[in-house]
Protein backbone atom coordinates (compact mmCIF):
# COMPACT_ATOMS: atom_id res chain seq x y z
CA UNK A 1 -2.87 8.09 9.14
CA UNK A 2 -6.42 6.82 9.51
CA UNK A 3 -7.57 3.58 7.87
CA UNK A 4 -11.32 3.01 7.67
CA UNK A 5 -10.81 -0.25 5.74
CA UNK A 6 -13.82 0.31 3.44
CA UNK A 7 -16.23 0.52 6.39
CA UNK A 8 -18.03 3.76 5.50
CA UNK A 9 -20.77 4.70 3.09
CA UNK A 10 -19.85 7.58 0.77
CA UNK A 11 -22.02 9.89 2.87
CA UNK A 12 -20.39 8.82 6.15
CA UNK A 13 -16.92 9.03 4.59
CA UNK A 14 -17.71 12.58 3.54
CA UNK A 15 -18.77 13.54 7.08
CA UNK A 16 -15.80 11.90 8.79
CA UNK A 17 -13.13 13.00 6.31
CA UNK A 18 -14.35 16.58 6.47
CA UNK A 19 -14.32 16.43 10.28
CA UNK A 20 -10.72 15.15 10.22
CA UNK A 21 -9.44 17.94 7.98
CA UNK A 22 -7.08 20.21 9.84
CA UNK A 23 -5.70 17.57 12.22
CA UNK A 24 -2.49 17.09 10.25
CA UNK A 25 -3.15 13.51 9.17
CA UNK A 26 -0.83 12.15 6.51
CA UNK A 27 -3.77 10.45 4.80
CA UNK A 28 -7.17 8.83 5.10
CA UNK A 29 -7.01 5.28 3.79
CA UNK A 30 -9.73 3.23 2.09
CA UNK A 31 -12.68 5.07 3.65
CA UNK A 32 -15.35 3.40 1.50
CA UNK A 33 -15.84 0.48 -0.86
CA UNK A 34 -12.58 0.11 -2.75
CA UNK A 35 -14.02 0.20 -6.28
CA UNK A 36 -16.35 3.19 -5.88
CA UNK A 37 -13.93 5.46 -7.72
CA UNK A 38 -16.53 8.13 -8.45
CA UNK A 39 -17.28 8.61 -4.75
CA UNK A 40 -13.57 8.43 -3.90
CA UNK A 41 -12.89 11.17 -6.48
CA UNK A 42 -15.59 13.36 -4.95
CA UNK A 43 -14.09 12.89 -1.49
CA UNK A 44 -10.52 13.48 -2.70
CA UNK A 45 -11.58 16.76 -4.34
CA UNK A 46 -13.53 17.92 -1.29
CA UNK A 47 -11.11 17.26 1.56
CA UNK A 48 -7.73 18.77 2.35
CA UNK A 49 -6.46 15.53 3.92
CA UNK A 50 -4.96 13.30 1.21
CA UNK A 51 -6.86 10.16 0.29
CA UNK A 52 -4.94 6.87 -0.01
CA UNK A 53 -6.50 3.92 -1.84
CA UNK A 54 -5.28 0.91 -3.77
CA UNK A 55 -4.66 -2.07 -1.53
CA UNK A 56 -7.60 -3.71 -3.30
CA UNK A 57 -6.70 -2.76 -6.87
CA UNK A 58 -7.21 -5.97 -8.82
CA UNK A 59 -4.53 -5.43 -11.43
CA UNK A 60 -3.07 -2.31 -13.05
CA UNK A 61 -6.27 -1.61 -15.02
CA UNK A 62 -8.11 -0.87 -11.76
CA UNK A 63 -5.39 1.54 -10.74
CA UNK A 64 -5.48 3.16 -14.16
CA UNK A 65 -9.24 3.73 -13.78
CA UNK A 66 -8.83 5.20 -10.30
CA UNK A 67 -6.08 7.55 -11.48
CA UNK A 68 -8.07 8.64 -14.52
CA UNK A 69 -10.94 9.64 -12.24
CA UNK A 70 -8.62 11.37 -9.71
CA UNK A 71 -9.97 9.02 -7.03
CA UNK A 72 -6.99 9.45 -4.71
CA UNK A 73 -4.03 11.56 -3.75
CA UNK A 74 -1.82 8.54 -3.04
CA UNK A 75 -1.91 5.01 -4.44
CA UNK A 76 -1.08 1.91 -2.39
CA UNK A 77 -1.09 -1.28 -4.45
CA UNK A 78 -0.72 -4.69 -2.85
CA UNK A 79 1.84 -6.78 -4.72
CA UNK A 80 -0.30 -9.93 -4.42
CA UNK A 81 -3.42 -8.25 -5.83
CA UNK A 82 -1.87 -5.92 -8.39
CA UNK A 83 -0.38 -8.78 -10.40
CA UNK A 84 2.95 -9.58 -8.80
CA UNK A 85 6.17 -7.96 -9.92
CA UNK A 86 4.93 -7.33 -13.46
CA UNK A 87 1.67 -5.76 -12.29
CA UNK A 88 3.56 -3.66 -9.76
CA UNK A 89 5.98 -2.34 -12.38
CA UNK A 90 3.08 -1.50 -14.69
CA UNK A 91 1.35 0.30 -11.82
CA UNK A 92 4.54 2.15 -10.91
CA UNK A 93 4.75 3.39 -14.50
CA UNK A 94 1.13 4.60 -14.32
CA UNK A 95 1.87 6.39 -11.05
CA UNK A 96 4.97 7.99 -12.55
CA UNK A 97 2.97 9.31 -15.51
CA UNK A 98 0.53 11.00 -13.12
CA UNK A 99 3.14 12.05 -10.55
CA UNK A 100 1.22 9.93 -8.05
CA UNK A 101 3.06 9.03 -4.82
CA UNK A 102 3.14 5.24 -4.53
CA UNK A 103 3.14 3.33 -1.25
CA UNK A 104 3.02 -0.38 -0.55
CA UNK A 105 0.49 -2.60 1.17
CA UNK A 106 1.94 -5.45 3.24
CA UNK A 107 4.66 -7.86 2.04
CA UNK A 108 7.43 -5.44 3.03
CA UNK A 109 10.23 -7.88 2.22
CA UNK A 110 9.17 -7.83 -1.44
CA UNK A 111 7.55 -4.40 -1.55
CA UNK A 112 10.74 -2.64 -0.48
CA UNK A 113 12.52 -3.89 -3.60
CA UNK A 114 9.58 -2.86 -5.79
CA UNK A 115 9.43 0.59 -4.23
CA UNK A 116 13.12 1.01 -5.02
CA UNK A 117 12.17 0.50 -8.68
CA UNK A 118 9.24 2.94 -8.47
CA UNK A 119 9.92 6.55 -9.50
CA UNK A 120 7.28 7.99 -7.14
CA UNK A 121 7.97 5.75 -4.12
CA UNK A 122 6.38 7.18 -1.01
CA UNK A 123 5.85 4.84 1.99
CA UNK A 124 6.70 1.24 2.81
CA UNK A 125 3.99 -0.37 4.94
CA UNK A 126 5.87 -2.53 7.41
CA UNK A 127 4.59 -5.49 9.39
CA UNK A 128 6.85 -8.09 10.98
CA UNK A 129 4.69 -11.14 10.25
CA UNK A 130 7.37 -12.91 8.20
CA UNK A 131 9.91 -12.65 11.02
CA UNK A 132 8.41 -15.85 12.45
CA UNK A 133 9.84 -17.96 9.62
CA UNK A 134 12.61 -16.01 7.85
CA UNK A 135 16.29 -16.61 8.58
CA UNK A 136 17.15 -12.94 8.04
CA UNK A 137 14.08 -10.80 8.76
CA UNK A 138 13.96 -7.21 7.58
CA UNK A 139 15.48 -4.80 10.05
CA UNK A 140 14.43 -1.24 10.60
CA UNK A 141 16.87 1.53 11.38
CA UNK A 142 15.65 4.88 12.67
CA UNK A 143 12.21 4.38 11.10
CA UNK A 144 13.64 3.38 7.74
CA UNK A 145 14.37 0.14 5.96
CA UNK A 146 16.84 -0.92 3.30
CA UNK A 147 16.44 -3.76 0.83
CA UNK A 148 18.65 -6.80 1.09
CA UNK A 149 21.66 -6.88 -1.20
CA UNK A 150 21.23 -10.64 -1.77
CA UNK A 151 19.99 -11.75 -5.20
CA UNK A 152 16.31 -12.18 -5.99
CA UNK A 153 13.78 -11.69 -3.25
CA UNK A 154 16.57 -12.42 -0.72
CA UNK A 155 14.45 -14.67 1.46
CA UNK A 156 15.92 -17.63 3.26
CA UNK A 157 13.52 -19.78 5.23
CA UNK A 158 14.53 -20.69 8.75
CA UNK A 159 13.66 -24.38 8.85
CA UNK A 160 13.98 -24.52 12.65
CA UNK A 161 11.49 -21.66 13.08
CA UNK A 162 9.12 -23.32 10.62
CA UNK A 163 9.36 -26.67 12.43
CA UNK A 164 8.61 -24.95 15.74
CA UNK A 165 5.59 -23.15 14.27
CA UNK A 166 4.29 -26.40 12.82
CA UNK A 167 4.72 -28.16 16.14
CA UNK A 168 2.67 -25.46 17.85
CA UNK A 169 -0.33 -25.90 15.54
């Protein structure tokens, strides 16, 4: 995977994505400005390497626009930007209608549950940032993860860890 994090102009994205074709990348992520769906669609149609966008979708309507324009091969909404659980579920329904593989962006402790409710679930983006203050951090097993079986979001704060972090600031 290669993430350009919106750093490229459409012209530079075109040059770099074309140059990366054939290297077996799983995807090229966010190569240019997130809401330039027309340029994203051009790039997605031109390159063999799949294009992943969506961490900056501001609600399901943005994702709907991107999908209508064929601006990506994979969608990756961020639960905080897409509209929480409701926005995610609406986006998952849009992805299902298009047969669009759906990955997550950050918040793995919540995103894993949402991906389990997404018909076209693809990848869970995992970062361990919450381990610093959760009583029962997510554990990986052989490159995979499983959601907690506890009710709700299944997060218990570790007050001792939080107190230590506060003391260090």
